[in-house]
PDB file of all heavy atoms in Angstrom:
ATOM      1  N   LYS A   1       0.797  -1.223   0.000  1.00  0.00           N
ATOM      2  CA  LYS A   1       0.000   0.000   0.000  1.00  0.00           C
ATOM      3  C   LYS A   1       0.835   1.282   0.000  1.00  0.00           C
ATOM      4  O   LYS A   1       0.309   2.356  -0.320  1.00  0.00           O
ATOM      5  CB  LYS A   1      -0.923   0.025   1.223  1.00  0.00           C
ATOM      6  CG  LYS A   1      -1.871  -1.166   1.317  1.00  0.00           C
ATOM      7  CD  LYS A   1      -2.793  -1.256   0.115  1.00  0.00           C
ATOM      8  CE  LYS A   1      -3.745  -2.439   0.250  1.00  0.00           C
ATOM      9  NZ  LYS A   1      -4.599  -2.594  -0.954  1.00  0.00           N
ATOM     10  N   LEU A   2       2.115   1.176   0.380  1.00  0.00           N
ATOM     11  CA  LEU A   2       2.939   2.386   0.488  1.00  0.00           C
ATOM     12  C   LEU A   2       4.363   2.080   0.048  1.00  0.00           C
ATOM     13  O   LEU A   2       4.939   1.070   0.440  1.00  0.00           O
ATOM     14  CB  LEU A   2       2.944   2.901   1.935  1.00  0.00           C
ATOM     15  CG  LEU A   2       3.807   4.138   2.222  1.00  0.00           C
ATOM     16  CD1 LEU A   2       3.258   5.361   1.503  1.00  0.00           C
ATOM     17  CD2 LEU A   2       3.886   4.402   3.730  1.00  0.00           C
ATOM     18  N   LEU A   3       4.936   2.970  -0.780  1.00  0.00           N
ATOM     19  CA  LEU A   3       6.351   2.937  -1.148  1.00  0.00           C
ATOM     20  C   LEU A   3       6.975   4.203  -0.594  1.00  0.00           C
ATOM     21  O   LEU A   3       6.378   5.301  -0.685  1.00  0.00           O
ATOM     22  CB  LEU A   3       6.532   2.875  -2.662  1.00  0.00           C
ATOM     23  CG  LEU A   3       6.217   1.540  -3.356  1.00  0.00           C
ATOM     24  CD1 LEU A   3       4.719   1.278  -3.396  1.00  0.00           C
ATOM     25  CD2 LEU A   3       6.767   1.529  -4.783  1.00  0.00           C
ATOM     26  N   PHE A   4       8.175   4.093  -0.012  1.00  0.00           N
ATOM     27  CA  PHE A   4       8.794   5.229   0.669  1.00  0.00           C
ATOM     28  C   PHE A   4      10.267   5.305   0.327  1.00  0.00           C
ATOM     29  O   PHE A   4      10.974   4.297   0.338  1.00  0.00           O
ATOM     30  CB  PHE A   4       8.622   5.092   2.191  1.00  0.00           C
ATOM     31  CG  PHE A   4       9.214   6.226   2.975  1.00  0.00           C
ATOM     32  CD1 PHE A   4       8.507   7.402   3.155  1.00  0.00           C
ATOM     33  CD2 PHE A   4      10.480   6.126   3.522  1.00  0.00           C
ATOM     34  CE1 PHE A   4       9.058   8.458   3.868  1.00  0.00           C
ATOM     35  CE2 PHE A   4      11.042   7.171   4.240  1.00  0.00           C
ATOM     36  CZ  PHE A   4      10.318   8.343   4.417  1.00  0.00           C
ATOM     37  N   CYS A   5      10.734   6.505   0.025  1.00  0.00           N
ATOM     38  CA  CYS A   5      12.169   6.698  -0.214  1.00  0.00           C
ATOM     39  C   CYS A   5      12.583   8.092   0.214  1.00  0.00           C
ATOM     40  O   CYS A   5      11.750   8.986   0.414  1.00  0.00           O
ATOM     41  CB  CYS A   5      12.521   6.470  -1.691  1.00  0.00           C
ATOM     42  SG  CYS A   5      12.174   7.878  -2.767  1.00  0.00           S
ATOM     43  N   GLU A   6      13.890   8.258   0.362  1.00  0.00           N
ATOM     44  CA  GLU A   6      14.510   9.556   0.592  1.00  0.00           C
ATOM     45  C   GLU A   6      15.490   9.749  -0.558  1.00  0.00           C
ATOM     46  O   GLU A   6      16.398   8.941  -0.739  1.00  0.00           O
ATOM     47  CB  GLU A   6      15.241   9.550   1.934  1.00  0.00           C
ATOM     48  CG  GLU A   6      15.987  10.818   2.266  1.00  0.00           C
ATOM     49  CD  GLU A   6      16.745  10.684   3.576  1.00  0.00           C
ATOM     50  OE1 GLU A   6      16.098  10.463   4.615  1.00  0.00           O
ATOM     51  OE2 GLU A   6      17.987  10.772   3.556  1.00  0.00           O
ATOM     52  N   SER A   7      15.283  10.778  -1.364  1.00  0.00           N
ATOM     53  CA  SER A   7      16.135  10.955  -2.542  1.00  0.00           C
ATOM     54  C   SER A   7      16.414  12.442  -2.774  1.00  0.00           C
ATOM     55  O   SER A   7      15.464  13.218  -2.963  1.00  0.00           O
ATOM     56  CB  SER A   7      15.459  10.360  -3.780  1.00  0.00           C
ATOM     57  OG  SER A   7      16.285  10.449  -4.914  1.00  0.00           O
ATOM     58  N   PRO A   8      17.700  12.838  -2.731  1.00  0.00           N
ATOM     59  CA  PRO A   8      18.864  12.009  -2.411  1.00  0.00           C
ATOM     60  C   PRO A   8      18.849  11.604  -0.945  1.00  0.00           C
ATOM     61  O   PRO A   8      18.248  12.266  -0.104  1.00  0.00           O
ATOM     62  CB  PRO A   8      20.047  12.926  -2.727  1.00  0.00           C
ATOM     63  CG  PRO A   8      19.496  14.305  -2.597  1.00  0.00           C
ATOM     64  CD  PRO A   8      18.080  14.235  -3.024  1.00  0.00           C
ATOM     65  N   SER A   9      19.532  10.506  -0.668  1.00  0.00           N
ATOM     66  CA  SER A   9      19.518   9.974   0.695  1.00  0.00           C
ATOM     67  C   SER A   9      20.576  10.643   1.556  1.00  0.00           C
ATOM     68  O   SER A   9      21.567  11.175   1.069  1.00  0.00           O
ATOM     69  CB  SER A   9      19.755   8.464   0.665  1.00  0.00           C
ATOM     70  OG  SER A   9      21.087   8.172   0.274  1.00  0.00           O
ATOM     71  N   ASN A  10      20.331  10.583   2.846  1.00  0.00           N
ATOM     72  CA  ASN A  10      21.263  11.098   3.848  1.00  0.00           C
ATOM     73  C   ASN A  10      21.930   9.909   4.530  1.00  0.00           C
ATOM     74  O   ASN A  10      21.234   9.070   5.108  1.00  0.00           O
ATOM     75  CB  ASN A  10      20.464  11.928   4.865  1.00  0.00           C
ATOM     76  CG  ASN A  10      21.233  12.241   6.136  1.00  0.00           C
ATOM     77  OD1 ASN A  10      22.446  12.305   6.150  1.00  0.00           O
ATOM     78  ND2 ASN A  10      20.495  12.422   7.222  1.00  0.00           N
ATOM     79  N   PRO A  11      23.250   9.753   4.443  1.00  0.00           N
ATOM     80  CA  PRO A  11      24.223  10.723   3.946  1.00  0.00           C
ATOM     81  C   PRO A  11      24.884  10.353   2.610  1.00  0.00           C
ATOM     82  O   PRO A  11      25.780  11.063   2.165  1.00  0.00           O
ATOM     83  CB  PRO A  11      25.279  10.679   5.056  1.00  0.00           C
ATOM     84  CG  PRO A  11      25.300   9.220   5.437  1.00  0.00           C
ATOM     85  CD  PRO A  11      23.878   8.723   5.294  1.00  0.00           C
ATOM     86  N   LEU A  12      24.482   9.262   1.967  1.00  0.00           N
ATOM     87  CA  LEU A  12      25.249   8.725   0.835  1.00  0.00           C
ATOM     88  C   LEU A  12      24.786   9.230  -0.523  1.00  0.00           C
ATOM     89  O   LEU A  12      25.304   8.786  -1.552  1.00  0.00           O
ATOM     90  CB  LEU A  12      25.200   7.191   0.857  1.00  0.00           C
ATOM     91  CG  LEU A  12      25.849   6.534   2.077  1.00  0.00           C
ATOM     92  CD1 LEU A  12      25.701   5.017   2.019  1.00  0.00           C
ATOM     93  CD2 LEU A  12      27.327   6.919   2.163  1.00  0.00           C
ATOM     94  N   ALA A  13      23.821  10.138  -0.562  1.00  0.00           N
ATOM     95  CA  ALA A  13      23.371  10.734  -1.823  1.00  0.00           C
ATOM     96  C   ALA A  13      22.921   9.680  -2.828  1.00  0.00           C
ATOM     97  O   ALA A  13      23.177   9.797  -4.023  1.00  0.00           O
ATOM     98  CB  ALA A  13      24.464  11.609  -2.428  1.00  0.00           C
ATOM     99  N   GLU A  14      22.226   8.650  -2.347  1.00  0.00           N
ATOM    100  CA  GLU A  14      21.649   7.664  -3.254  1.00  0.00           C
ATOM    101  C   GLU A  14      20.415   8.271  -3.904  1.00  0.00           C
ATOM    102  O   GLU A  14      19.602   8.903  -3.238  1.00  0.00           O
ATOM    103  CB  GLU A  14      21.265   6.407  -2.483  1.00  0.00           C
ATOM    104  CG  GLU A  14      20.624   5.314  -3.317  1.00  0.00           C
ATOM    105  CD  GLU A  14      20.213   4.131  -2.457  1.00  0.00           C
ATOM    106  OE1 GLU A  14      21.048   3.249  -2.222  1.00  0.00           O
ATOM    107  OE2 GLU A  14      19.047   4.117  -2.003  1.00  0.00           O
ATOM    108  N   ILE A  15      20.272   8.071  -5.207  1.00  0.00           N
ATOM    109  CA  ILE A  15      19.176   8.664  -5.958  1.00  0.00           C
ATOM    110  C   ILE A  15      18.186   7.581  -6.373  1.00  0.00           C
ATOM    111  O   ILE A  15      18.577   6.574  -6.965  1.00  0.00           O
ATOM    112  CB  ILE A  15      19.683   9.397  -7.213  1.00  0.00           C
ATOM    113  CG1 ILE A  15      20.760  10.422  -6.840  1.00  0.00           C
ATOM    114  CG2 ILE A  15      18.521  10.057  -7.949  1.00  0.00           C
ATOM    115  CD1 ILE A  15      20.292  11.543  -5.945  1.00  0.00           C
ATOM    116  N   THR A  16      16.931   7.801  -6.071  1.00  0.00           N
ATOM    117  CA  THR A  16      15.853   6.937  -6.549  1.00  0.00           C
ATOM    118  C   THR A  16      15.245   7.555  -7.799  1.00  0.00           C
ATOM    119  O   THR A  16      15.018   8.774  -7.848  1.00  0.00           O
ATOM    120  CB  THR A  16      14.761   6.777  -5.471  1.00  0.00           C
ATOM    121  OG1 THR A  16      15.321   6.105  -4.332  1.00  0.00           O
ATOM    122  CG2 THR A  16      13.586   5.969  -5.990  1.00  0.00           C
ATOM    123  N   ASP A  17      14.987   6.734  -8.793  1.00  0.00           N
ATOM    124  CA  ASP A  17      14.325   7.210 -10.007  1.00  0.00           C
ATOM    125  C   ASP A  17      12.854   7.432  -9.659  1.00  0.00           C
ATOM    126  O   ASP A  17      12.034   6.503  -9.678  1.00  0.00           O
ATOM    127  CB  ASP A  17      14.474   6.184 -11.132  1.00  0.00           C
ATOM    128  CG  ASP A  17      13.978   6.701 -12.472  1.00  0.00           C
ATOM    129  OD1 ASP A  17      13.083   7.575 -12.479  1.00  0.00           O
ATOM    130  OD2 ASP A  17      14.461   6.224 -13.517  1.00  0.00           O
ATOM    131  N   ILE A  18      12.509   8.652  -9.321  1.00  0.00           N
ATOM    132  CA  ILE A  18      11.170   8.949  -8.805  1.00  0.00           C
ATOM    133  C   ILE A  18      10.106   8.654  -9.845  1.00  0.00           C
ATOM    134  O   ILE A  18       9.048   8.096  -9.524  1.00  0.00           O
ATOM    135  CB  ILE A  18      11.104  10.412  -8.321  1.00  0.00           C
ATOM    136  CG1 ILE A  18      12.067  10.602  -7.129  1.00  0.00           C
ATOM    137  CG2 ILE A  18       9.681  10.793  -7.925  1.00  0.00           C
ATOM    138  CD1 ILE A  18      12.178  12.033  -6.654  1.00  0.00           C
ATOM    139  N   ARG A  19      10.352   9.005 -11.083  1.00  0.00           N
ATOM    140  CA  ARG A  19       9.356   8.748 -12.127  1.00  0.00           C
ATOM    141  C   ARG A  19       9.081   7.250 -12.269  1.00  0.00           C
ATOM    142  O   ARG A  19       7.916   6.822 -12.365  1.00  0.00           O
ATOM    143  CB  ARG A  19       9.847   9.299 -13.464  1.00  0.00           C
ATOM    144  CG  ARG A  19       9.958  10.827 -13.541  1.00  0.00           C
ATOM    145  CD  ARG A  19      10.419  11.257 -14.917  1.00  0.00           C
ATOM    146  NE  ARG A  19      10.598  12.697 -15.030  1.00  0.00           N
ATOM    147  CZ  ARG A  19      11.732  13.330 -14.729  1.00  0.00           C
ATOM    148  NH1 ARG A  19      12.779  12.641 -14.280  1.00  0.00           N
ATOM    149  NH2 ARG A  19      11.829  14.646 -14.883  1.00  0.00           N
ATOM    150  N   ALA A  20      10.139   6.442 -12.275  1.00  0.00           N
ATOM    151  CA  ALA A  20       9.980   4.992 -12.461  1.00  0.00           C
ATOM    152  C   ALA A  20       9.260   4.355 -11.286  1.00  0.00           C
ATOM    153  O   ALA A  20       8.349   3.523 -11.460  1.00  0.00           O
ATOM    154  CB  ALA A  20      11.340   4.342 -12.666  1.00  0.00           C
ATOM    155  N   VAL A  21       9.643   4.719 -10.062  1.00  0.00           N
ATOM    156  CA  VAL A  21       8.997   4.136  -8.878  1.00  0.00           C
ATOM    157  C   VAL A  21       7.562   4.627  -8.751  1.00  0.00           C
ATOM    158  O   VAL A  21       6.673   3.873  -8.335  1.00  0.00           O
ATOM    159  CB  VAL A  21       9.823   4.438  -7.612  1.00  0.00           C
ATOM    160  CG1 VAL A  21       9.126   3.907  -6.371  1.00  0.00           C
ATOM    161  CG2 VAL A  21      11.225   3.838  -7.733  1.00  0.00           C
ATOM    162  N   ALA A  22       7.307   5.865  -9.143  1.00  0.00           N
ATOM    163  CA  ALA A  22       5.930   6.376  -9.133  1.00  0.00           C
ATOM    164  C   ALA A  22       5.052   5.554 -10.070  1.00  0.00           C
ATOM    165  O   ALA A  22       3.886   5.274  -9.756  1.00  0.00           O
ATOM    166  CB  ALA A  22       5.910   7.849  -9.538  1.00  0.00           C
ATOM    167  N   ASN A  23       5.604   5.155 -11.193  1.00  0.00           N
ATOM    168  CA  ASN A  23       4.849   4.337 -12.149  1.00  0.00           C
ATOM    169  C   ASN A  23       4.536   2.956 -11.567  1.00  0.00           C
ATOM    170  O   ASN A  23       3.439   2.424 -11.732  1.00  0.00           O
ATOM    171  CB  ASN A  23       5.633   4.194 -13.450  1.00  0.00           C
ATOM    172  CG  ASN A  23       4.827   3.513 -14.539  1.00  0.00           C
ATOM    173  OD1 ASN A  23       3.710   3.903 -14.845  1.00  0.00           O
ATOM    174  ND2 ASN A  23       5.396   2.461 -15.119  1.00  0.00           N
ATOM    175  N   ILE A  24       5.519   2.375 -10.849  1.00  0.00           N
ATOM    176  CA  ILE A  24       5.308   1.082 -10.193  1.00  0.00           C
ATOM    177  C   ILE A  24       4.190   1.188  -9.164  1.00  0.00           C
ATOM    178  O   ILE A  24       3.301   0.336  -9.089  1.00  0.00           O
ATOM    179  CB  ILE A  24       6.614   0.598  -9.535  1.00  0.00           C
ATOM    180  CG1 ILE A  24       7.664   0.272 -10.604  1.00  0.00           C
ATOM    181  CG2 ILE A  24       6.368  -0.610  -8.635  1.00  0.00           C
ATOM    182  CD1 ILE A  24       9.050   0.013 -10.042  1.00  0.00           C
ATOM    183  N   ALA A  25       4.231   2.243  -8.376  1.00  0.00           N
ATOM    184  CA  ALA A  25       3.201   2.444  -7.355  1.00  0.00           C
ATOM    185  C   ALA A  25       1.830   2.640  -7.994  1.00  0.00           C
ATOM    186  O   ALA A  25       0.825   2.070  -7.544  1.00  0.00           O
ATOM    187  CB  ALA A  25       3.561   3.651  -6.491  1.00  0.00           C
ATOM    188  N   ARG A  26       1.786   3.421  -9.043  1.00  0.00           N
ATOM    189  CA  ARG A  26       0.512   3.715  -9.700  1.00  0.00           C
ATOM    190  C   ARG A  26      -0.128   2.446 -10.258  1.00  0.00           C
ATOM    191  O   ARG A  26      -1.330   2.230 -10.122  1.00  0.00           O
ATOM    192  CB  ARG A  26       0.747   4.737 -10.811  1.00  0.00           C
ATOM    193  CG  ARG A  26      -0.529   5.335 -11.400  1.00  0.00           C
ATOM    194  CD  ARG A  26      -0.210   6.395 -12.437  1.00  0.00           C
ATOM    195  NE  ARG A  26       0.681   7.413 -11.909  1.00  0.00           N
ATOM    196  CZ  ARG A  26       1.949   7.576 -12.292  1.00  0.00           C
ATOM    197  NH1 ARG A  26       2.480   6.775 -13.208  1.00  0.00           N
ATOM    198  NH2 ARG A  26       2.691   8.518 -11.777  1.00  0.00           N
ATOM    199  N   GLN A  27       0.682   1.610 -10.879  1.00  0.00           N
ATOM    200  CA  GLN A  27       0.160   0.370 -11.449  1.00  0.00           C
ATOM    201  C   GLN A  27      -0.397  -0.564 -10.376  1.00  0.00           C
ATOM    202  O   GLN A  27      -1.316  -1.343 -10.637  1.00  0.00           O
ATOM    203  CB  GLN A  27       1.255  -0.338 -12.246  1.00  0.00           C
ATOM    204  CG  GLN A  27       1.655   0.385 -13.530  1.00  0.00           C
ATOM    205  CD  GLN A  27       2.789  -0.310 -14.259  1.00  0.00           C
ATOM    206  OE1 GLN A  27       3.423  -1.223 -13.729  1.00  0.00           O
ATOM    207  NE2 GLN A  27       3.058   0.127 -15.490  1.00  0.00           N
ATOM    208  N   ALA A  28       0.158  -0.479  -9.166  1.00  0.00           N
ATOM    209  CA  ALA A  28      -0.284  -1.342  -8.068  1.00  0.00           C
ATOM    210  C   ALA A  28      -1.373  -0.707  -7.216  1.00  0.00           C
ATOM    211  O   ALA A  28      -1.870  -1.332  -6.275  1.00  0.00           O
ATOM    212  CB  ALA A  28       0.909  -1.706  -7.190  1.00  0.00           C
ATOM    213  N   GLY A  29      -1.715   0.533  -7.509  1.00  0.00           N
ATOM    214  CA  GLY A  29      -2.698   1.225  -6.687  1.00  0.00           C
ATOM    215  C   GLY A  29      -2.165   1.597  -5.318  1.00  0.00           C
ATOM    216  O   GLY A  29      -2.927   1.760  -4.366  1.00  0.00           O
ATOM    217  N   ALA A  30      -0.835   1.734  -5.215  1.00  0.00           N
ATOM    218  CA  ALA A  30      -0.200   2.084  -3.944  1.00  0.00           C
ATOM    219  C   ALA A  30       0.172   3.562  -3.929  1.00  0.00           C
ATOM    220  O   ALA A  30       0.186   4.237  -4.958  1.00  0.00           O
ATOM    221  CB  ALA A  30       1.042   1.222  -3.722  1.00  0.00           C
ATOM    222  N   VAL A  31       0.491   4.076  -2.755  1.00  0.00           N
ATOM    223  CA  VAL A  31       0.900   5.468  -2.566  1.00  0.00           C
ATOM    224  C   VAL A  31       2.425   5.528  -2.515  1.00  0.00           C
ATOM    225  O   VAL A  31       3.070   4.703  -1.856  1.00  0.00           O
ATOM    226  CB  VAL A  31       0.304   6.036  -1.257  1.00  0.00           C
ATOM    227  CG1 VAL A  31       0.848   7.425  -0.967  1.00  0.00           C
ATOM    228  CG2 VAL A  31      -1.218   6.058  -1.342  1.00  0.00           C
TER     229      VAL A  31
END
């Protein structure tokens, strides 16, 4: 039901592809 990320992350500056993960969430009906 929920996907959660911090981007960029603290402290290692890991980047999540927000557009791609948003699409995954949308297809699953998750937030």
